[in-house]
Each structure stands twice: as C-alpha cells, then as structure tokens.
Amino acid sequence: MTSAVPKEIPDPLAFAADALAAQGALVERAGAECVAVLPGTLAAALGVSDTCTLVDGLATGRGDRLACGIGSPLLERLAHWAGARGAAAALRFDGDPPRPSQARALAERFALRNAVYEVEATSVAETTYVVAWLAWRAESDDRYDGRVALAMHAGDGAEPDPSMIALADPTWHGAAFGHAPRSAASTAPLALLCQRAATAVRAAIVPACAAVARRHERDHRRVTEYFTALARDARSPKRHVDPAAIHQKVDHMMRERDAKLRDLAQRYAMRVSLEPLAVVTFVVPAVTVRLRVRRRKREGEMALRLPAGASCLDRVTCAGCGTPTGRPALCDDRLHALCEACVPQIQGRPECAAC
C-alpha cells in the first residue's frame, strides 16, 4: 500500500521566469513582478512582445503585462513545453562527506578474484554522478509501460549504491541541494548510459515478454491444430476424389496456414521504445581510496569510491563489456578490471576484451 506524499505547488511566477530563462530570455525579478526580454523567435512563438512584465494572477492590465497565474494561457503554454521534453538539472548535494575510515574499512574487504592489493591512501573531494529516469513502452498485441532509473559516475561509469537515485531526486524533501554548473554533464559517458538503459529495460520487460509468448504459443497451436484437422479431412474424403486434386487442396491449406502463422509472428512481435524523463547531474562529496594491486609480475593502481549517502563502494566498470561489478578480476597484460561474465573462471590467464 502506498500513500501520496503532499508536495507544495511551485510559485507560478517563478516557474514562468525559469521556463523563459531556459529558452534564452533575460528575466529579472522586481518585487512581485518579473521583467523579461525575450528572443524574437520565442516572442513570436508565444505571441507576445519581446519586452514584457510577468505578473501573478489572471488579470493582465496593459498589453505588455502578461498574467502567469494558474490557468493563464502563458503558464499553460510554458507547462506544455516543459512536459514535452525530458528535464535536465545540475545539482550539488551540500551534506557531509563520508568518513575516510569507513571507506578504508570497506576497501579492505573489497573482493579481487584473482589478485592481491594493499590500501594506500584516501582522499575527499567532490565528484559527479549522472542519474537518469527513463520511461519504456513495450507494444505487441497489448501495451505495457514502466520506468527505470539509472545512476553512474560521470567519469568512469562506476555504479553507486541505489540510494544515490533517491538522493538525487529533487522531490525528496530530506536532501540539501545547491546549484552546480551544467558543464559537469559534458563528461557523462553517454554510450555507456544507453547500454545500461537497454540492459535495464530488457530485464524490466521479461514478464511482459513471457505473457506475450504464452499468447503467441496458444494462438500458434490453435492455428496449427485447425489446419492439421482440415488437411486430415481432405486426405480422407467420403467420396472418390482425384489424388492430384487432394494434393493441390492440402497444399493450398498449408500455404494459408503458413501465411496466418507469419501474421501471428508480426502481431506478437515486441516493439520497445525508450524515452528519457529526467537527467540529473549530481555533484556529491566522496572518499576515493587508492589501491596498489598485484597480478603475477605486474603492479598497478585501482581507485574505489564511496559517495555521500552510500553504504557501500561503487561497483567498478568492466573494461570488457561495460557492466558494473563488485567482484572484478584483472587481466594479466594491463590489469583491466573484468566482470564475472567476461571472466567466469579465474584459473589460468583470462582473455581480456579490452586489451
């Protein structure tokens, strides 16, 4: 059972000012009003002058004064624009960083499957994560909808504790947020995010695919049994029929059956689409732990990270397939971190897809 969490309605005037500023307008708050200078294309799209004053309420007064109250045409147009595309924000978490002793204790229990390591040093610094909410839709003979949420480090793609998703949610009242520069999002590994989104959606639609497969199998069996019965009756006529005519009739039935089975395959084919709902570039304080790793005769370094609000270290990114893993193995040549799928057995010399 879930209960609705009451949320405060945003100030309509502030929303309108932010929406216009996001479209390139210059907006300045002046007491209970906002003075706005709009680009020509934006003013033409809204049907207003390029210099106007935003006021709260529904009554406008003079022609250059635009009402921004709930239900006003301008607010409805801006809300429609905001809802027509995924939202993006850059936030900073102003909470306390984790304790270095906690990160060090977690690092000492880290599992390297085929190498040994020593904890060398810890450091505290701000780091950037990307948190994305995506909507998926699977369509076949029926339609299924759902949502997935992903979080990853903007630099190396490491996967943080799931609590990072809740921490980055701007609607969570327990978080202390500040604004962060949007340029931080430029380091986000977009290809890796898309790859993990596809993997998450494939896992999310497993029940839907199973239901569609059951219905496809049921209809396939019905069609096959129907035409099998027709063919059996055609091969055993109650009166004498030319064998060539029987063969031609049965052949026609089989072609009709195959056509219907092909139509079934198209009808039950699963078509999946993915749409971004919101992306938050989230700057948080984190503790980085440096490890000295040894594998056979080679030595190298590995960095583990514990962000604020997390209870476990980030899962490192597999250099071979990009999957996050908490129990990596290292290759012999360049000490690449590899997941359990790329290196299922740690005996011998593992093959590295990244070398």
Protein backbone atom coordinates (compact mmCIF):
# COMPACT_ATOMS: atom_id res chain seq x y z
CA MET A 1 0.00 0.00 0.00
CA THR A 2 1.33 3.44 -0.89
CA SER A 3 0.30 6.85 0.30
CA ALA A 4 0.57 10.10 -1.61
CA VAL A 5 3.24 12.48 -0.39
CA PRO A 6 1.91 16.04 -0.28
CA LYS A 7 4.01 18.42 -2.36
CA GLU A 8 3.95 22.17 -2.38
CA ILE A 9 2.80 23.75 -5.64
CA PRO A 10 5.64 25.82 -7.15
CA ASP A 11 5.26 29.57 -7.40
CA PRO A 12 3.70 30.14 -10.88
CA LEU A 13 5.63 33.36 -11.41
CA ALA A 14 8.95 31.70 -10.52
CA PHE A 15 8.11 28.75 -12.79
CA ALA A 16 7.34 31.05 -15.72
CA ALA A 17 10.53 33.02 -15.14
CA ASP A 18 12.66 29.86 -15.04
CA ALA A 19 10.93 28.44 -18.13
CA LEU A 20 11.55 31.60 -20.13
CA ALA A 21 15.16 31.79 -18.94
CA ALA A 22 15.68 28.20 -20.08
CA GLN A 23 14.55 29.31 -23.57
CA GLY A 24 17.15 32.09 -23.67
CA ALA A 25 15.20 35.01 -22.21
CA LEU A 26 16.65 37.55 -19.77
CA VAL A 27 14.43 37.64 -16.69
CA GLU A 28 14.87 39.85 -13.63
CA ARG A 29 12.69 39.71 -10.53
CA ALA A 30 11.40 43.09 -9.39
CA GLY A 31 9.36 42.59 -6.26
CA ALA A 32 6.10 40.82 -7.11
CA GLU A 33 6.78 41.08 -10.86
CA CYS A 34 9.38 39.90 -13.36
CA VAL A 35 10.73 41.95 -16.25
CA ALA A 36 11.61 39.77 -19.25
CA VAL A 37 13.44 40.38 -22.52
CA LEU A 38 12.64 37.58 -24.98
CA PRO A 39 14.45 36.46 -28.14
CA GLY A 40 12.48 37.25 -31.27
CA THR A 41 11.73 33.59 -32.09
CA LEU A 42 10.49 32.93 -28.54
CA ALA A 43 8.32 36.07 -28.52
CA ALA A 44 6.81 35.08 -31.88
CA ALA A 45 6.10 31.53 -30.66
CA LEU A 46 4.31 32.87 -27.59
CA GLY A 47 2.58 35.67 -29.47
CA VAL A 48 3.87 38.40 -27.13
CA SER A 49 6.19 41.37 -27.42
CA ASP A 50 9.91 40.88 -26.90
CA THR A 51 9.84 43.05 -23.77
CA CYS A 52 7.16 42.31 -21.18
CA THR A 53 6.39 42.15 -17.49
CA LEU A 54 5.25 38.93 -15.86
CA VAL A 55 2.66 39.33 -13.12
CA ASP A 56 0.92 36.84 -10.89
CA GLY A 57 -2.81 36.23 -11.24
CA LEU A 58 -5.10 36.12 -14.28
CA ALA A 59 -5.73 39.84 -14.97
CA THR A 60 -3.12 41.37 -17.25
CA GLY A 61 -3.88 45.08 -17.34
CA ARG A 62 -1.79 46.68 -20.10
CA GLY A 63 -0.77 44.78 -23.21
CA ASP A 64 2.87 44.34 -22.14
CA ARG A 65 1.87 42.79 -18.81
CA LEU A 66 1.46 39.01 -19.00
CA ALA A 67 -0.54 37.05 -16.43
CA CYS A 68 1.24 33.99 -15.02
CA GLY A 69 -1.38 32.70 -12.60
CA ILE A 70 -2.70 29.14 -12.53
CA GLY A 71 -4.84 28.71 -15.64
CA SER A 72 -3.34 31.59 -17.62
CA PRO A 73 -2.58 30.91 -21.32
CA LEU A 74 1.11 31.75 -20.92
CA LEU A 75 1.59 29.38 -17.99
CA GLU A 76 -0.23 26.58 -19.80
CA ARG A 77 1.94 27.04 -22.89
CA LEU A 78 5.15 27.02 -20.85
CA ALA A 79 4.00 23.96 -18.88
CA HIS A 80 3.26 22.17 -22.16
CA TRP A 81 6.75 22.96 -23.44
CA ALA A 82 8.31 21.76 -20.20
CA GLY A 83 6.40 18.48 -20.33
CA ALA A 84 7.16 17.84 -23.98
CA ARG A 85 10.84 17.08 -23.35
CA GLY A 86 12.93 15.43 -20.68
CA ALA A 87 14.00 17.62 -17.82
CA ALA A 88 17.68 18.19 -17.08
CA ALA A 89 19.22 19.67 -13.95
CA ALA A 90 22.64 20.08 -12.38
CA LEU A 91 22.58 19.83 -8.59
CA ARG A 92 25.05 19.72 -5.73
CA PHE A 93 24.49 17.82 -2.51
CA ASP A 94 25.51 20.01 0.42
CA GLY A 95 25.61 17.24 3.02
CA ASP A 96 28.62 15.93 4.89
CA PRO A 97 31.12 13.65 3.11
CA PRO A 98 31.61 10.04 4.25
CA ARG A 99 34.22 9.26 6.88
CA PRO A 100 37.57 8.19 5.37
CA SER A 101 37.80 5.43 7.98
CA GLN A 102 34.51 3.98 6.74
CA ALA A 103 35.71 3.99 3.12
CA ARG A 104 39.01 2.41 4.15
CA ALA A 105 37.26 -0.34 6.09
CA LEU A 106 35.06 -1.14 3.10
CA ALA A 107 38.08 -1.14 0.78
CA GLU A 108 39.91 -3.63 2.99
CA ARG A 109 37.02 -6.06 2.45
CA PHE A 110 36.91 -5.47 -1.32
CA ALA A 111 36.97 -8.70 -3.38
CA LEU A 112 39.50 -9.01 -6.19
CA ARG A 113 39.02 -12.52 -7.55
CA ASN A 114 42.48 -13.17 -8.94
CA ALA A 115 44.81 -10.53 -7.50
CA VAL A 116 46.04 -9.12 -4.22
CA TYR A 117 46.04 -5.49 -3.17
CA GLU A 118 47.02 -3.04 -0.46
CA VAL A 119 45.13 0.09 0.59
CA GLU A 120 47.46 3.03 0.05
CA ALA A 121 45.66 6.34 0.68
CA THR A 122 42.26 8.02 0.92
CA SER A 123 41.19 11.47 -0.24
CA VAL A 124 37.99 13.50 0.00
CA ALA A 125 36.75 15.53 -2.97
CA GLU A 126 33.58 16.36 -4.86
CA THR A 127 32.73 14.07 -7.72
CA THR A 128 29.96 13.96 -10.33
CA TYR A 129 27.31 11.33 -10.97
CA VAL A 130 24.61 11.12 -13.63
CA VAL A 131 21.17 9.93 -12.53
CA ALA A 132 18.61 9.25 -15.26
CA TRP A 133 14.93 8.32 -15.15
CA LEU A 134 13.62 6.72 -18.33
CA ALA A 135 10.17 5.56 -19.43
CA TRP A 136 9.81 2.43 -21.54
CA ARG A 137 6.90 1.18 -23.59
CA ALA A 138 6.55 -2.36 -24.93
CA GLU A 139 3.88 -2.92 -27.59
CA SER A 140 2.71 -6.16 -29.10
CA ASP A 141 -0.91 -7.37 -29.05
CA ASP A 142 -1.11 -5.35 -25.82
CA ARG A 143 0.79 -2.38 -24.39
CA TYR A 144 3.00 -2.31 -21.31
CA ASP A 145 4.54 0.77 -19.71
CA GLY A 146 7.13 1.23 -16.97
CA ARG A 147 10.04 3.24 -15.65
CA VAL A 148 13.69 2.54 -14.89
CA ALA A 149 16.22 4.65 -13.00
CA LEU A 150 19.97 4.51 -13.51
CA ALA A 151 22.91 6.07 -11.70
CA MET A 152 26.56 6.07 -12.75
CA HIS A 153 29.73 8.05 -12.22
CA ALA A 154 30.18 10.69 -14.89
CA GLY A 155 33.84 9.87 -15.40
CA ASP A 156 34.44 6.12 -15.23
CA GLY A 157 30.88 4.79 -15.27
CA ALA A 158 31.07 3.14 -11.83
CA GLU A 159 27.65 2.27 -10.41
CA PRO A 160 26.88 3.73 -6.96
CA ASP A 161 24.62 2.41 -4.22
CA PRO A 162 20.91 2.54 -5.25
CA SER A 163 20.40 5.18 -2.56
CA MET A 164 22.07 7.64 -4.94
CA ILE A 165 18.92 7.59 -7.09
CA ALA A 166 16.76 8.67 -4.14
CA LEU A 167 19.38 11.19 -3.03
CA ALA A 168 19.40 12.86 -6.46
CA ASP A 169 15.61 13.08 -6.65
CA PRO A 170 14.78 16.82 -6.42
CA THR A 171 11.36 15.98 -4.96
CA TRP A 172 12.93 14.35 -1.90
CA HIS A 173 12.43 16.81 0.94
CA GLY A 174 15.24 15.41 3.09
CA ALA A 175 18.03 16.46 0.70
CA ALA A 176 20.02 19.67 0.89
CA PHE A 177 20.56 20.86 -2.68
CA GLY A 178 22.52 23.61 -4.32
CA HIS A 179 23.07 24.50 -7.97
CA ALA A 180 26.03 23.04 -9.85
CA PRO A 181 27.50 24.13 -13.20
CA ARG A 182 25.82 22.35 -16.13
CA SER A 183 29.20 21.85 -17.81
CA ALA A 184 29.73 18.89 -15.49
CA ALA A 185 27.34 16.87 -17.65
CA SER A 186 29.73 17.02 -20.61
CA THR A 187 31.86 14.25 -19.09
CA ALA A 188 28.97 11.78 -18.88
CA PRO A 189 29.68 8.55 -20.81
CA LEU A 190 26.51 8.67 -22.89
CA ALA A 191 27.17 5.43 -24.77
CA LEU A 192 27.62 3.53 -21.51
CA LEU A 193 24.43 5.05 -20.10
CA CYS A 194 22.48 3.95 -23.19
CA GLN A 195 23.95 0.46 -22.96
CA ARG A 196 22.90 0.07 -19.34
CA ALA A 197 19.49 1.55 -20.04
CA ALA A 198 18.94 -1.10 -22.72
CA THR A 199 20.02 -3.82 -20.29
CA ALA A 200 17.70 -2.48 -17.57
CA VAL A 201 14.75 -2.31 -19.96
CA ARG A 202 15.38 -5.87 -21.21
CA ALA A 203 15.19 -7.05 -17.60
CA ALA A 204 12.08 -4.94 -16.92
CA ILE A 205 10.10 -6.34 -19.85
CA VAL A 206 10.77 -10.01 -19.06
CA PRO A 207 7.26 -10.54 -17.52
CA ALA A 208 5.64 -8.78 -20.48
CA CYS A 209 7.62 -10.88 -22.97
CA ALA A 210 6.62 -14.05 -21.11
CA ALA A 211 2.92 -13.11 -21.25
CA VAL A 212 3.14 -12.27 -24.97
CA ALA A 213 5.00 -15.54 -25.65
CA ARG A 214 2.27 -17.54 -23.92
CA ARG A 215 -0.44 -15.92 -26.02
CA HIS A 216 1.61 -16.38 -29.19
CA GLU A 217 2.15 -20.06 -28.41
CA ARG A 218 -1.59 -20.51 -27.69
CA ASP A 219 -2.69 -18.94 -30.99
CA HIS A 220 0.08 -20.72 -32.90
CA ARG A 221 -1.16 -24.05 -31.51
CA ARG A 222 -4.78 -23.25 -32.38
CA VAL A 223 -3.94 -22.30 -35.98
CA THR A 224 -1.74 -25.37 -36.44
CA GLU A 225 -4.33 -27.74 -34.98
CA TYR A 226 -7.11 -26.21 -37.10
CA PHE A 227 -5.29 -26.60 -40.41
CA THR A 228 -3.98 -30.04 -39.43
CA ALA A 229 -7.56 -31.17 -38.91
CA LEU A 230 -8.61 -29.67 -42.25
CA ALA A 231 -5.76 -31.41 -44.05
CA ARG A 232 -6.60 -34.72 -42.36
CA ASP A 233 -10.22 -34.48 -43.50
CA ALA A 234 -9.13 -33.51 -47.02
CA ARG A 235 -6.89 -36.60 -47.27
CA SER A 236 -9.79 -38.86 -46.26
CA PRO A 237 -12.72 -37.76 -48.44
CA LYS A 238 -16.10 -39.52 -48.14
CA ARG A 239 -16.28 -39.92 -51.89
CA HIS A 240 -13.71 -40.65 -54.55
CA VAL A 241 -11.58 -37.58 -55.43
CA ASP A 242 -8.66 -37.34 -57.78
CA PRO A 243 -5.42 -37.65 -55.71
CA ALA A 244 -3.92 -34.68 -57.58
CA ALA A 245 -6.87 -32.52 -56.54
CA ILE A 246 -6.45 -33.66 -52.92
CA HIS A 247 -2.76 -32.83 -53.03
CA GLN A 248 -3.50 -29.40 -54.51
CA LYS A 249 -6.14 -28.71 -51.86
CA VAL A 250 -3.85 -29.74 -48.99
CA ASP A 251 -1.01 -27.69 -50.45
CA HIS A 252 -3.31 -24.65 -50.57
CA MET A 253 -4.24 -25.20 -46.90
CA MET A 254 -0.59 -25.39 -45.87
CA ARG A 255 0.19 -22.14 -47.66
CA GLU A 256 -2.76 -20.48 -45.94
CA ARG A 257 -1.59 -21.87 -42.59
CA ASP A 258 1.95 -20.54 -43.11
CA ALA A 259 0.58 -17.11 -44.02
CA LYS A 260 -1.51 -16.98 -40.86
CA LEU A 261 1.47 -18.07 -38.75
CA ARG A 262 3.56 -15.28 -40.30
CA ASP A 263 0.81 -12.80 -39.46
CA LEU A 264 0.85 -14.12 -35.89
CA ALA A 265 4.60 -13.56 -35.67
CA GLN A 266 4.18 -9.95 -36.77
CA ARG A 267 1.25 -9.41 -34.43
CA TYR A 268 3.12 -10.70 -31.40
CA ALA A 269 6.48 -9.09 -32.23
CA MET A 270 7.58 -6.94 -29.29
CA ARG A 271 8.34 -3.31 -30.15
CA VAL A 272 10.11 -1.47 -27.35
CA SER A 273 10.70 2.28 -27.13
CA LEU A 274 12.63 4.24 -24.53
CA GLU A 275 12.17 7.91 -23.66
CA PRO A 276 14.20 9.99 -21.16
CA LEU A 277 12.10 11.58 -18.44
CA ALA A 278 14.76 13.43 -16.46
CA VAL A 279 18.54 13.55 -16.15
CA VAL A 280 20.25 14.99 -13.10
CA THR A 281 23.96 15.74 -12.99
CA PHE A 282 24.65 15.33 -9.29
CA VAL A 283 27.79 16.60 -7.55
CA VAL A 284 28.42 14.95 -4.19
CA PRO A 285 31.37 14.73 -1.78
CA ALA A 286 33.05 11.34 -1.91
CA VAL A 287 36.02 9.49 -0.46
CA THR A 288 38.38 7.94 -3.01
CA VAL A 289 40.50 5.01 -1.87
CA ARG A 290 43.67 4.18 -3.81
CA LEU A 291 44.69 0.52 -4.04
CA ARG A 292 48.03 -0.95 -5.07
CA VAL A 293 47.09 -4.13 -6.98
CA ARG A 294 49.37 -7.04 -7.95
CA ARG A 295 48.67 -9.72 -10.53
CA ARG A 296 51.52 -12.16 -11.32
CA LYS A 297 54.51 -9.91 -12.05
CA ARG A 298 52.58 -6.74 -12.78
CA GLU A 299 51.59 -3.93 -10.43
CA GLY A 300 49.14 -1.10 -10.85
CA GLU A 301 46.62 1.16 -9.16
CA MET A 302 42.87 0.98 -8.74
CA ALA A 303 40.55 3.64 -7.34
CA LEU A 304 37.44 2.83 -5.31
CA ARG A 305 34.88 5.45 -4.36
CA LEU A 306 32.38 5.94 -1.52
CA PRO A 307 29.98 8.86 -2.17
CA ALA A 308 27.93 10.65 0.45
CA GLY A 309 24.78 8.80 1.48
CA ALA A 310 26.03 5.39 0.28
CA SER A 311 26.60 2.35 2.45
CA CYS A 312 28.87 0.50 0.02
CA LEU A 313 31.59 1.27 -2.50
CA ASP A 314 30.78 1.99 -6.14
CA ARG A 315 30.77 -1.06 -8.39
CA VAL A 316 33.61 -0.71 -10.89
CA THR A 317 33.01 -0.78 -14.64
CA CYS A 318 34.09 -3.86 -16.56
CA ALA A 319 36.64 -2.86 -19.18
CA GLY A 320 35.41 -5.61 -21.49
CA CYS A 321 31.63 -5.17 -21.64
CA GLY A 322 30.86 -2.07 -19.52
CA THR A 323 28.82 -3.97 -16.92
CA PRO A 324 29.26 -2.85 -13.29
CA THR A 325 30.75 -5.45 -10.97
CA GLY A 326 31.59 -5.65 -7.28
CA ARG A 327 33.92 -8.67 -7.69
CA PRO A 328 36.26 -7.92 -10.60
CA ALA A 329 39.12 -9.98 -11.92
CA LEU A 330 42.23 -8.46 -13.50
CA CYS A 331 43.77 -9.33 -16.84
CA ASP A 332 47.45 -10.22 -17.00
CA ASP A 333 48.66 -7.70 -19.56
CA ARG A 334 47.24 -4.31 -18.48
CA LEU A 335 45.35 -5.16 -15.27
CA HIS A 336 41.95 -4.29 -16.73
CA ALA A 337 39.04 -4.89 -14.36
CA LEU A 338 36.72 -7.57 -15.80
CA CYS A 339 33.30 -8.78 -14.63
CA GLU A 340 32.11 -12.31 -13.86
CA ALA A 341 30.59 -12.69 -17.35
CA CYS A 342 33.85 -11.81 -19.11
CA VAL A 343 35.97 -13.94 -16.73
CA PRO A 344 33.76 -16.69 -15.28
CA GLN A 345 36.78 -18.77 -14.20
CA ILE A 346 39.83 -17.16 -12.56
CA GLN A 347 42.20 -20.08 -13.21
CA GLY A 348 44.84 -19.57 -15.89
CA ARG A 349 45.29 -16.47 -17.99
CA PRO A 350 41.95 -14.71 -18.60
CA GLU A 351 41.17 -13.40 -22.06
CA CYS A 352 40.67 -9.63 -21.97
CA ALA A 353 38.34 -7.98 -24.49
CA ALA A 354 39.82 -4.57 -23.67
CA CYS A 355 43.46 -5.40 -24.44
